[in-house]
Amino acid sequence: MQENFLCGTSEITGCRFSIYPMTDRFVDVILSALKEVDTSKIWMETDDVSTCVRGRSIHVFDVVKAIYLEAAKHGDHVVFNGTFSNGCPGDTAGDAYLAENEEKANEKKSAGISQEVAVQFALYPMGIPGYMNVIMNQVELAKAQGTFTEGVHYASRLDGNAHDVFKTLEDAFESCKKSDSTHIIMTVNMSANSPSKKGAV
């Protein structure tokens, strides 16, 4: 018998991501980044393909940003590919850290790392006919925050300091959660320390 899932039944935010350091030290870069970050306020699991973090949205973004900054701070070209989700019908609250307070575990340490990044992100507010209006509102938000660069096929581009860019991503995601959409998906491709020129083919 097929199980009937309904979106919007969970307050859990999650992100499944992979980090790709362009160096022969990639194992050390990834493992040291995971080790340096305080993950006590989120549920986390890493396998041979990716890492998944789940919990309150504020802590998911805090941990993901901290891991990426730790991986990129040595100057290697590091690429991040991740999918954020809220409202997934497959999430159960029993193993997530929804009771945690709003104090970010990594904010102070992350603030000491300055890193320029380039990002292409896409939002998918599911279950509403006016989804394009929701998406365009987040583009305007990015423009107001000074991180929006341009629209590209299937995504919007952001450039700037990682702290500013992650703020835009988190604010856009949270704003979408306040819409009538019951399930929010956001895909993020991020690059730091790339040897390629901006916008090069």
N, C-alpha and C. Protein backbone atom coordinates (compact mmCIF):
# COMPACT_ATOMS: atom_id res chain seq x y z
N MET A 1 0.84 -1.19 0.00
CA MET A 1 0.00 0.00 0.00
C MET A 1 0.88 1.25 0.00
N GLN A 2 0.56 2.18 -0.87
CA GLN A 2 1.37 3.39 -0.98
C GLN A 2 1.07 4.34 0.17
N GLU A 3 2.13 4.84 0.79
CA GLU A 3 1.97 5.76 1.92
C GLU A 3 1.65 7.15 1.40
N ASN A 4 0.75 7.85 2.04
CA ASN A 4 0.33 9.18 1.62
C ASN A 4 1.09 10.24 2.41
N PHE A 5 2.01 10.93 1.73
CA PHE A 5 2.81 11.95 2.39
C PHE A 5 2.22 13.33 2.12
N LEU A 6 2.27 14.18 3.12
CA LEU A 6 1.82 15.55 2.98
C LEU A 6 2.98 16.48 3.30
N CYS A 7 3.22 17.46 2.42
CA CYS A 7 4.27 18.43 2.69
C CYS A 7 3.79 19.41 3.76
N GLY A 8 4.75 20.09 4.36
CA GLY A 8 4.43 21.14 5.31
C GLY A 8 4.10 20.64 6.70
N THR A 9 4.39 19.38 7.00
CA THR A 9 4.06 18.84 8.31
C THR A 9 5.25 18.89 9.27
N SER A 10 6.39 19.38 8.82
CA SER A 10 7.58 19.37 9.64
C SER A 10 8.23 20.75 9.69
N GLU A 11 8.74 21.11 10.87
CA GLU A 11 9.46 22.38 11.02
C GLU A 11 10.96 22.21 10.78
N ILE A 12 11.36 21.02 10.46
CA ILE A 12 12.78 20.73 10.27
C ILE A 12 13.29 21.36 8.98
N THR A 13 14.44 22.01 9.06
CA THR A 13 15.17 22.43 7.87
C THR A 13 16.37 21.51 7.73
N GLY A 14 16.67 21.14 6.51
CA GLY A 14 17.82 20.27 6.26
C GLY A 14 18.63 20.76 5.09
N CYS A 15 19.86 20.31 5.02
CA CYS A 15 20.71 20.59 3.87
C CYS A 15 21.59 19.37 3.62
N ARG A 16 21.53 18.88 2.39
CA ARG A 16 22.44 17.82 1.97
C ARG A 16 23.44 18.45 1.02
N PHE A 17 24.73 18.31 1.35
CA PHE A 17 25.75 19.02 0.57
C PHE A 17 27.02 18.20 0.41
N SER A 18 27.77 18.58 -0.59
CA SER A 18 29.11 18.04 -0.82
C SER A 18 30.07 19.20 -1.03
N ILE A 19 31.30 19.04 -0.54
CA ILE A 19 32.35 20.05 -0.72
C ILE A 19 33.48 19.43 -1.53
N TYR A 20 33.96 20.20 -2.49
CA TYR A 20 34.99 19.71 -3.39
C TYR A 20 36.21 20.63 -3.37
N PRO A 21 37.22 20.37 -2.52
CA PRO A 21 38.46 21.15 -2.54
C PRO A 21 39.33 20.70 -3.72
N MET A 22 39.72 21.65 -4.54
CA MET A 22 40.53 21.34 -5.72
C MET A 22 42.01 21.27 -5.35
N THR A 23 42.33 20.25 -4.57
CA THR A 23 43.70 20.05 -4.10
C THR A 23 43.89 18.57 -3.79
N ASP A 24 45.15 18.10 -3.86
CA ASP A 24 45.40 16.70 -3.52
C ASP A 24 45.29 16.45 -2.02
N ARG A 25 45.10 17.52 -1.25
CA ARG A 25 44.87 17.41 0.18
C ARG A 25 43.39 17.41 0.52
N PHE A 26 42.54 17.08 -0.46
CA PHE A 26 41.10 17.26 -0.28
C PHE A 26 40.54 16.51 0.92
N VAL A 27 41.07 15.33 1.22
CA VAL A 27 40.56 14.56 2.37
C VAL A 27 40.82 15.33 3.66
N ASP A 28 42.05 15.81 3.81
CA ASP A 28 42.39 16.57 5.02
C ASP A 28 41.57 17.85 5.14
N VAL A 29 41.36 18.53 4.01
CA VAL A 29 40.60 19.78 4.03
C VAL A 29 39.17 19.53 4.50
N ILE A 30 38.54 18.50 3.96
CA ILE A 30 37.16 18.19 4.32
C ILE A 30 37.05 17.74 5.77
N LEU A 31 37.91 16.80 6.16
CA LEU A 31 37.83 16.26 7.52
C LEU A 31 38.16 17.30 8.58
N SER A 32 39.14 18.15 8.30
CA SER A 32 39.49 19.19 9.27
C SER A 32 38.38 20.22 9.39
N ALA A 33 37.71 20.54 8.28
CA ALA A 33 36.60 21.48 8.32
C ALA A 33 35.46 20.93 9.17
N LEU A 34 35.14 19.66 8.98
CA LEU A 34 34.09 19.03 9.77
C LEU A 34 34.45 19.00 11.26
N LYS A 35 35.75 18.78 11.54
CA LYS A 35 36.21 18.68 12.92
C LYS A 35 36.19 20.04 13.63
N GLU A 36 36.47 21.11 12.89
CA GLU A 36 36.59 22.44 13.49
C GLU A 36 35.25 23.09 13.83
N VAL A 37 34.17 22.55 13.29
CA VAL A 37 32.86 23.19 13.43
C VAL A 37 32.06 22.54 14.56
N ASP A 38 31.39 23.37 15.35
CA ASP A 38 30.53 22.91 16.44
C ASP A 38 29.19 22.47 15.85
N THR A 39 28.93 21.18 15.89
CA THR A 39 27.69 20.64 15.32
C THR A 39 26.73 20.16 16.41
N SER A 40 26.91 20.65 17.63
CA SER A 40 26.14 20.14 18.76
C SER A 40 24.65 20.49 18.70
N LYS A 41 24.30 21.48 17.87
CA LYS A 41 22.90 21.91 17.83
C LYS A 41 22.14 21.39 16.61
N ILE A 42 22.78 20.52 15.83
CA ILE A 42 22.11 19.95 14.66
C ILE A 42 22.34 18.44 14.60
N TRP A 43 21.50 17.76 13.84
CA TRP A 43 21.69 16.34 13.52
C TRP A 43 22.56 16.30 12.27
N MET A 44 23.59 15.46 12.25
CA MET A 44 24.48 15.41 11.10
C MET A 44 24.88 13.98 10.80
N GLU A 45 24.96 13.67 9.51
CA GLU A 45 25.41 12.36 9.06
C GLU A 45 26.21 12.54 7.78
N THR A 46 27.38 11.94 7.73
CA THR A 46 28.25 12.01 6.56
C THR A 46 28.47 10.61 6.01
N ASP A 47 28.33 10.46 4.69
CA ASP A 47 28.65 9.18 4.05
C ASP A 47 29.66 9.42 2.95
N ASP A 48 29.84 8.44 2.05
CA ASP A 48 30.87 8.55 1.03
C ASP A 48 30.49 9.49 -0.12
N VAL A 49 29.27 10.02 -0.10
CA VAL A 49 28.82 10.92 -1.16
C VAL A 49 28.63 12.35 -0.66
N SER A 50 28.01 12.50 0.51
CA SER A 50 27.63 13.83 0.97
C SER A 50 27.46 13.87 2.48
N THR A 51 27.18 15.07 2.97
CA THR A 51 26.86 15.29 4.38
C THR A 51 25.46 15.87 4.47
N CYS A 52 24.70 15.40 5.46
CA CYS A 52 23.35 15.90 5.69
C CYS A 52 23.28 16.50 7.08
N VAL A 53 22.78 17.73 7.18
CA VAL A 53 22.55 18.37 8.47
C VAL A 53 21.07 18.74 8.57
N ARG A 54 20.49 18.58 9.78
CA ARG A 54 19.07 18.82 9.97
C ARG A 54 18.84 19.43 11.35
N GLY A 55 17.81 20.26 11.45
CA GLY A 55 17.46 20.86 12.72
C GLY A 55 16.74 22.18 12.51
N ARG A 56 16.93 23.11 13.44
CA ARG A 56 16.37 24.44 13.26
C ARG A 56 17.13 25.16 12.15
N SER A 57 16.40 25.91 11.35
CA SER A 57 16.99 26.57 10.19
C SER A 57 18.20 27.43 10.56
N ILE A 58 18.11 28.17 11.65
CA ILE A 58 19.18 29.08 12.06
C ILE A 58 20.48 28.32 12.29
N HIS A 59 20.39 27.11 12.82
CA HIS A 59 21.59 26.33 13.12
C HIS A 59 22.10 25.56 11.89
N VAL A 60 21.19 25.18 11.02
CA VAL A 60 21.60 24.52 9.78
C VAL A 60 22.45 25.49 8.95
N PHE A 61 21.99 26.72 8.78
CA PHE A 61 22.77 27.70 8.02
C PHE A 61 24.08 28.04 8.72
N ASP A 62 24.06 28.14 10.04
CA ASP A 62 25.27 28.43 10.81
C ASP A 62 26.33 27.36 10.59
N VAL A 63 25.94 26.10 10.64
CA VAL A 63 26.88 25.00 10.49
C VAL A 63 27.39 24.89 9.05
N VAL A 64 26.49 25.01 8.09
CA VAL A 64 26.90 24.90 6.68
C VAL A 64 27.88 26.01 6.33
N LYS A 65 27.59 27.24 6.75
CA LYS A 65 28.52 28.34 6.47
C LYS A 65 29.86 28.10 7.14
N ALA A 66 29.85 27.66 8.38
CA ALA A 66 31.09 27.44 9.11
C ALA A 66 31.95 26.37 8.47
N ILE A 67 31.33 25.28 8.03
CA ILE A 67 32.07 24.20 7.38
C ILE A 67 32.71 24.70 6.09
N TYR A 68 31.94 25.46 5.31
CA TYR A 68 32.49 25.95 4.04
C TYR A 68 33.63 26.95 4.27
N LEU A 69 33.46 27.84 5.23
CA LEU A 69 34.53 28.80 5.51
C LEU A 69 35.79 28.11 5.99
N GLU A 70 35.64 27.10 6.82
CA GLU A 70 36.81 26.36 7.31
C GLU A 70 37.52 25.66 6.16
N ALA A 71 36.74 25.15 5.19
CA ALA A 71 37.34 24.45 4.06
C ALA A 71 38.04 25.40 3.09
N ALA A 72 37.51 26.62 2.96
CA ALA A 72 38.03 27.56 1.96
C ALA A 72 39.11 28.50 2.50
N LYS A 73 39.29 28.56 3.81
CA LYS A 73 40.14 29.60 4.40
C LYS A 73 41.63 29.44 4.07
N HIS A 74 42.03 28.28 3.60
CA HIS A 74 43.45 28.05 3.30
C HIS A 74 43.84 28.54 1.92
N GLY A 75 42.89 28.99 1.12
CA GLY A 75 43.19 29.55 -0.19
C GLY A 75 43.00 28.59 -1.35
N ASP A 76 42.65 27.34 -1.07
CA ASP A 76 42.38 26.39 -2.16
C ASP A 76 41.05 26.74 -2.82
N HIS A 77 40.97 26.38 -4.10
CA HIS A 77 39.69 26.51 -4.80
C HIS A 77 38.74 25.45 -4.24
N VAL A 78 37.64 25.88 -3.62
CA VAL A 78 36.70 24.96 -3.00
C VAL A 78 35.29 25.23 -3.52
N VAL A 79 34.64 24.17 -3.97
CA VAL A 79 33.28 24.26 -4.49
C VAL A 79 32.31 23.57 -3.53
N PHE A 80 31.17 24.20 -3.33
CA PHE A 80 30.10 23.67 -2.49
C PHE A 80 28.88 23.44 -3.36
N ASN A 81 28.25 22.28 -3.21
CA ASN A 81 27.01 22.00 -3.90
C ASN A 81 26.02 21.48 -2.87
N GLY A 82 24.91 22.19 -2.66
CA GLY A 82 23.99 21.79 -1.60
C GLY A 82 22.53 22.03 -1.95
N THR A 83 21.66 21.29 -1.29
CA THR A 83 20.22 21.45 -1.40
C THR A 83 19.62 21.64 -0.02
N PHE A 84 19.00 22.80 0.19
CA PHE A 84 18.29 23.09 1.43
C PHE A 84 16.82 22.75 1.26
N SER A 85 16.19 22.28 2.33
CA SER A 85 14.79 21.89 2.25
C SER A 85 14.07 22.17 3.55
N ASN A 86 12.83 22.62 3.45
CA ASN A 86 11.96 22.77 4.61
C ASN A 86 10.55 22.34 4.23
N GLY A 87 9.91 21.53 5.09
CA GLY A 87 8.58 21.05 4.80
C GLY A 87 8.54 19.69 4.15
N CYS A 88 9.68 19.02 4.11
CA CYS A 88 9.73 17.70 3.49
C CYS A 88 8.85 16.72 4.27
N PRO A 89 7.96 16.00 3.59
CA PRO A 89 7.07 15.08 4.30
C PRO A 89 7.80 13.87 4.89
N GLY A 90 9.04 13.63 4.46
CA GLY A 90 9.78 12.49 4.99
C GLY A 90 10.51 12.77 6.28
N ASP A 91 10.51 14.04 6.73
CA ASP A 91 11.22 14.39 7.96
C ASP A 91 10.37 14.09 9.19
N THR A 92 11.02 13.54 10.21
CA THR A 92 10.37 13.32 11.50
C THR A 92 11.15 14.07 12.56
N ALA A 93 10.45 14.67 13.49
CA ALA A 93 11.08 15.56 14.47
C ALA A 93 11.84 14.81 15.55
N GLY A 94 11.64 13.51 15.67
CA GLY A 94 12.21 12.76 16.78
C GLY A 94 13.71 12.80 16.87
N ASP A 95 14.39 12.87 15.73
CA ASP A 95 15.86 12.83 15.77
C ASP A 95 16.47 14.17 15.37
N ALA A 96 15.69 15.26 15.39
CA ALA A 96 16.21 16.58 15.07
C ALA A 96 16.27 17.43 16.34
N TYR A 97 17.03 18.51 16.25
CA TYR A 97 17.32 19.32 17.43
C TYR A 97 16.46 20.59 17.43
N LEU A 98 15.15 20.44 17.43
CA LEU A 98 14.26 21.58 17.31
C LEU A 98 14.12 22.37 18.60
N ALA A 99 14.54 21.82 19.72
CA ALA A 99 14.40 22.50 21.00
C ALA A 99 15.57 23.44 21.31
N GLU A 100 16.57 23.48 20.43
CA GLU A 100 17.74 24.32 20.68
C GLU A 100 17.36 25.80 20.65
N ASN A 101 18.10 26.61 21.43
CA ASN A 101 17.87 28.05 21.43
C ASN A 101 18.45 28.69 20.16
N GLU A 102 18.37 30.02 20.06
CA GLU A 102 18.78 30.69 18.82
C GLU A 102 20.24 31.15 18.82
N GLU A 103 20.99 30.85 19.85
CA GLU A 103 22.40 31.24 19.88
C GLU A 103 23.19 30.38 18.91
N LYS A 104 23.83 31.02 17.94
CA LYS A 104 24.57 30.29 16.91
C LYS A 104 25.90 29.79 17.48
N ALA A 105 26.14 28.50 17.34
CA ALA A 105 27.31 27.89 17.95
C ALA A 105 28.62 28.30 17.28
N ASN A 106 28.56 28.71 16.01
CA ASN A 106 29.80 28.97 15.26
C ASN A 106 29.96 30.43 14.82
N GLU A 107 29.02 31.27 15.20
CA GLU A 107 29.01 32.64 14.68
C GLU A 107 30.29 33.40 15.00
N LYS A 108 30.76 33.32 16.25
CA LYS A 108 31.94 34.09 16.65
C LYS A 108 33.18 33.64 15.89
N LYS A 109 33.39 32.33 15.78
CA LYS A 109 34.56 31.83 15.09
C LYS A 109 34.49 32.11 13.60
N SER A 110 33.33 31.92 13.01
CA SER A 110 33.17 32.15 11.58
C SER A 110 33.41 33.61 11.21
N ALA A 111 33.05 34.52 12.12
CA ALA A 111 33.19 35.95 11.85
C ALA A 111 34.65 36.33 11.60
N GLY A 112 35.58 35.53 12.10
CA GLY A 112 37.00 35.82 11.91
C GLY A 112 37.55 35.37 10.58
N ILE A 113 36.73 34.74 9.75
CA ILE A 113 37.17 34.27 8.44
C ILE A 113 36.52 35.12 7.37
N SER A 114 37.34 35.83 6.58
CA SER A 114 36.84 36.65 5.48
C SER A 114 37.09 35.92 4.17
N GLN A 115 36.06 35.76 3.39
CA GLN A 115 36.18 34.97 2.17
C GLN A 115 35.22 35.47 1.10
N GLU A 116 35.74 35.79 -0.07
CA GLU A 116 34.90 36.15 -1.21
C GLU A 116 34.38 34.89 -1.88
N VAL A 117 33.13 34.92 -2.28
CA VAL A 117 32.52 33.76 -2.93
C VAL A 117 31.68 34.19 -4.12
N ALA A 118 31.45 33.24 -5.01
CA ALA A 118 30.51 33.40 -6.11
C ALA A 118 29.48 32.28 -6.00
N VAL A 119 28.21 32.62 -6.19
CA VAL A 119 27.13 31.67 -5.96
C VAL A 119 26.11 31.72 -7.08
N GLN A 120 25.60 30.55 -7.42
CA GLN A 120 24.40 30.45 -8.23
C GLN A 120 23.38 29.67 -7.41
N PHE A 121 22.20 30.29 -7.19
CA PHE A 121 21.20 29.61 -6.39
C PHE A 121 19.85 29.66 -7.07
N ALA A 122 19.01 28.69 -6.74
CA ALA A 122 17.67 28.64 -7.30
C ALA A 122 16.69 28.23 -6.20
N LEU A 123 15.52 28.87 -6.22
CA LEU A 123 14.48 28.61 -5.23
C LEU A 123 13.29 27.91 -5.88
N TYR A 124 12.72 26.97 -5.13
CA TYR A 124 11.55 26.24 -5.62
C TYR A 124 10.48 26.22 -4.51
N PRO A 125 9.61 27.25 -4.45
CA PRO A 125 8.49 27.23 -3.50
C PRO A 125 7.39 26.32 -4.08
N MET A 126 7.20 25.19 -3.48
CA MET A 126 6.31 24.18 -4.06
C MET A 126 4.89 24.30 -3.54
N GLY A 127 3.94 23.93 -4.40
CA GLY A 127 2.55 23.84 -3.98
C GLY A 127 1.74 25.11 -4.09
N ILE A 128 2.28 26.15 -4.75
CA ILE A 128 1.51 27.38 -4.90
C ILE A 128 1.56 27.85 -6.34
N PRO A 129 0.45 28.36 -6.88
CA PRO A 129 0.43 28.80 -8.28
C PRO A 129 1.25 30.07 -8.51
N GLY A 130 1.40 30.90 -7.47
CA GLY A 130 2.14 32.15 -7.63
C GLY A 130 3.60 32.06 -7.24
N TYR A 131 4.21 30.91 -7.52
CA TYR A 131 5.59 30.68 -7.08
C TYR A 131 6.58 31.67 -7.69
N MET A 132 6.33 32.13 -8.92
CA MET A 132 7.27 33.06 -9.55
C MET A 132 7.32 34.39 -8.80
N ASN A 133 6.20 34.83 -8.27
CA ASN A 133 6.19 36.06 -7.48
C ASN A 133 7.04 35.90 -6.22
N VAL A 134 6.95 34.72 -5.59
CA VAL A 134 7.76 34.45 -4.40
C VAL A 134 9.24 34.49 -4.75
N ILE A 135 9.60 33.86 -5.87
CA ILE A 135 11.00 33.84 -6.31
C ILE A 135 11.50 35.25 -6.60
N MET A 136 10.71 36.03 -7.34
CA MET A 136 11.14 37.37 -7.72
C MET A 136 11.28 38.28 -6.49
N ASN A 137 10.47 38.05 -5.46
CA ASN A 137 10.62 38.82 -4.22
C ASN A 137 11.99 38.58 -3.59
N GLN A 138 12.50 37.35 -3.70
CA GLN A 138 13.81 37.03 -3.13
C GLN A 138 14.94 37.63 -3.98
N VAL A 139 14.71 37.73 -5.27
CA VAL A 139 15.69 38.41 -6.13
C VAL A 139 15.78 39.88 -5.73
N GLU A 140 14.63 40.50 -5.48
CA GLU A 140 14.64 41.90 -5.05
C GLU A 140 15.33 42.04 -3.69
N LEU A 141 15.13 41.07 -2.82
CA LEU A 141 15.81 41.07 -1.52
C LEU A 141 17.32 41.04 -1.71
N ALA A 142 17.79 40.18 -2.60
CA ALA A 142 19.23 40.08 -2.87
C ALA A 142 19.77 41.38 -3.46
N LYS A 143 19.00 42.01 -4.31
CA LYS A 143 19.42 43.30 -4.88
C LYS A 143 19.54 44.34 -3.77
N ALA A 144 18.57 44.37 -2.87
CA ALA A 144 18.59 45.33 -1.77
C ALA A 144 19.77 45.10 -0.84
N GLN A 145 20.20 43.85 -0.70
CA GLN A 145 21.33 43.53 0.18
C GLN A 145 22.68 43.69 -0.53
N GLY A 146 22.64 43.96 -1.82
CA GLY A 146 23.88 44.23 -2.56
C GLY A 146 24.66 43.01 -2.98
N THR A 147 24.05 41.83 -2.93
CA THR A 147 24.77 40.60 -3.32
C THR A 147 24.38 40.09 -4.70
N PHE A 148 23.25 40.55 -5.23
CA PHE A 148 22.77 40.06 -6.53
C PHE A 148 23.65 40.60 -7.65
N THR A 149 24.05 39.71 -8.56
CA THR A 149 24.86 40.10 -9.71
C THR A 149 24.06 40.07 -10.99
N GLU A 150 23.42 38.93 -11.25
CA GLU A 150 22.65 38.80 -12.49
C GLU A 150 21.82 37.52 -12.45
N GLY A 151 20.83 37.48 -13.32
CA GLY A 151 20.10 36.25 -13.53
C GLY A 151 20.81 35.43 -14.59
N VAL A 152 20.91 34.14 -14.38
CA VAL A 152 21.49 33.23 -15.36
C VAL A 152 20.47 32.13 -15.62
N HIS A 153 20.71 31.30 -16.62
CA HIS A 153 19.77 30.23 -16.89
C HIS A 153 19.60 29.33 -15.67
N TYR A 154 18.36 29.21 -15.20
CA TYR A 154 17.97 28.29 -14.12
C TYR A 154 18.51 28.70 -12.74
N ALA A 155 18.99 29.93 -12.61
CA ALA A 155 19.54 30.35 -11.32
C ALA A 155 19.69 31.86 -11.26
N SER A 156 20.04 32.35 -10.09
CA SER A 156 20.43 33.75 -9.89
C SER A 156 21.83 33.75 -9.31
N ARG A 157 22.62 34.72 -9.74
CA ARG A 157 24.01 34.78 -9.29
C ARG A 157 24.18 35.82 -8.19
N LEU A 158 24.94 35.42 -7.15
CA LEU A 158 25.31 36.30 -6.05
C LEU A 158 26.83 36.35 -5.97
N ASP A 159 27.37 37.51 -5.63
CA ASP A 159 28.82 37.66 -5.42
C ASP A 159 29.05 38.52 -4.19
N GLY A 160 30.15 38.24 -3.47
CA GLY A 160 30.50 39.08 -2.35
C GLY A 160 31.15 38.30 -1.23
N ASN A 161 31.25 38.94 -0.07
CA ASN A 161 31.78 38.27 1.10
C ASN A 161 30.85 37.14 1.51
N ALA A 162 31.42 36.03 1.92
CA ALA A 162 30.62 34.84 2.24
C ALA A 162 29.56 35.13 3.30
N HIS A 163 29.87 35.99 4.27
CA HIS A 163 28.91 36.29 5.32
C HIS A 163 27.68 37.02 4.75
N ASP A 164 27.93 37.95 3.82
CA ASP A 164 26.83 38.67 3.19
C ASP A 164 26.01 37.74 2.30
N VAL A 165 26.70 36.89 1.55
CA VAL A 165 26.01 35.99 0.63
C VAL A 165 25.19 34.96 1.40
N PHE A 166 25.75 34.38 2.45
CA PHE A 166 24.99 33.42 3.25
C PHE A 166 23.79 34.10 3.92
N LYS A 167 23.92 35.37 4.29
CA LYS A 167 22.79 36.09 4.87
C LYS A 167 21.66 36.20 3.83
N THR A 168 22.02 36.52 2.60
CA THR A 168 21.02 36.60 1.54
C THR A 168 20.34 35.26 1.34
N LEU A 169 21.13 34.19 1.29
CA LEU A 169 20.56 32.86 1.10
C LEU A 169 19.61 32.50 2.24
N GLU A 170 20.03 32.75 3.47
CA GLU A 170 19.19 32.42 4.62
C GLU A 170 17.94 33.28 4.65
N ASP A 171 18.09 34.58 4.39
CA ASP A 171 16.94 35.48 4.40
C ASP A 171 15.93 35.11 3.31
N ALA A 172 16.44 34.74 2.13
CA ALA A 172 15.55 34.35 1.03
C ALA A 172 14.81 33.06 1.39
N PHE A 173 15.52 32.13 1.97
CA PHE A 173 14.91 30.86 2.37
C PHE A 173 13.84 31.08 3.43
N GLU A 174 14.16 31.90 4.43
CA GLU A 174 13.21 32.17 5.50
C GLU A 174 11.99 32.94 4.99
N SER A 175 12.22 33.84 4.05
CA SER A 175 11.11 34.59 3.47
C SER A 175 10.17 33.67 2.71
N CYS A 176 10.74 32.71 2.00
CA CYS A 176 9.92 31.73 1.28
C CYS A 176 9.09 30.90 2.25
N LYS A 177 9.65 30.59 3.40
CA LYS A 177 8.93 29.81 4.41
C LYS A 177 7.68 30.54 4.89
N LYS A 178 7.68 31.85 4.79
CA LYS A 178 6.53 32.64 5.24
C LYS A 178 5.46 32.76 4.15
N SER A 179 5.74 32.26 2.97
CA SER A 179 4.75 32.28 1.90
C SER A 179 3.76 31.13 2.10
N ASP A 180 2.87 30.96 1.15
CA ASP A 180 1.89 29.89 1.24
C ASP A 180 2.46 28.54 0.82
N SER A 181 3.69 28.51 0.41
CA SER A 181 4.31 27.26 -0.01
C SER A 181 4.49 26.32 1.18
N THR A 182 4.21 25.05 0.97
CA THR A 182 4.32 24.08 2.06
C THR A 182 5.65 23.34 2.05
N HIS A 183 6.41 23.47 0.97
CA HIS A 183 7.69 22.78 0.87
C HIS A 183 8.63 23.67 0.06
N ILE A 184 9.72 24.08 0.68
CA ILE A 184 10.69 24.98 0.05
C ILE A 184 11.97 24.21 -0.27
N ILE A 185 12.42 24.32 -1.51
CA ILE A 185 13.71 23.75 -1.91
C ILE A 185 14.60 24.88 -2.40
N MET A 186 15.86 24.89 -2.00
CA MET A 186 16.82 25.86 -2.51
C MET A 186 18.11 25.15 -2.85
N THR A 187 18.54 25.27 -4.09
CA THR A 187 19.81 24.69 -4.51
C THR A 187 20.87 25.77 -4.55
N VAL A 188 22.08 25.42 -4.11
CA VAL A 188 23.17 26.38 -4.01
C VAL A 188 24.45 25.77 -4.57
N ASN A 189 25.05 26.46 -5.51
CA ASN A 189 26.40 26.14 -5.99
C ASN A 189 27.30 27.31 -5.66
N MET A 190 28.35 27.05 -4.90
CA MET A 190 29.22 28.12 -4.40
C MET A 190 30.67 27.82 -4.72
N SER A 191 31.40 28.86 -5.08
CA SER A 191 32.82 28.71 -5.41
C SER A 191 33.64 29.78 -4.70
N ALA A 192 34.77 29.36 -4.14
CA ALA A 192 35.70 30.30 -3.50
C ALA A 192 37.11 30.05 -4.03
N ASN A 193 37.87 31.12 -4.18
CA ASN A 193 39.28 31.05 -4.60
C ASN A 193 39.45 30.43 -5.98
N SER A 194 38.48 30.66 -6.86
CA SER A 194 38.58 30.10 -8.21
C SER A 194 39.63 30.82 -9.02
N PRO A 195 40.46 30.07 -9.77
CA PRO A 195 41.45 30.72 -10.63
C PRO A 195 40.83 31.31 -11.89
N SER A 196 39.58 30.95 -12.18
CA SER A 196 38.90 31.44 -13.38
C SER A 196 38.40 32.86 -13.16
N LYS A 197 38.34 33.61 -14.25
CA LYS A 197 37.80 34.95 -14.16
C LYS A 197 36.29 34.89 -13.99
N LYS A 198 35.75 35.89 -13.31
CA LYS A 198 34.32 35.97 -13.08
C LYS A 198 33.55 35.92 -14.40
N GLY A 199 32.62 34.96 -14.48
CA GLY A 199 31.76 34.86 -15.65
C GLY A 199 32.41 34.20 -16.85
N ALA A 200 33.65 33.67 -16.67
CA ALA A 200 34.36 33.07 -17.81
C ALA A 200 33.70 31.75 -18.20
N VAL A 201 33.82 31.43 -19.48
CA VAL A 201 33.26 30.18 -19.99
C VAL A 201 34.24 29.05 -19.74
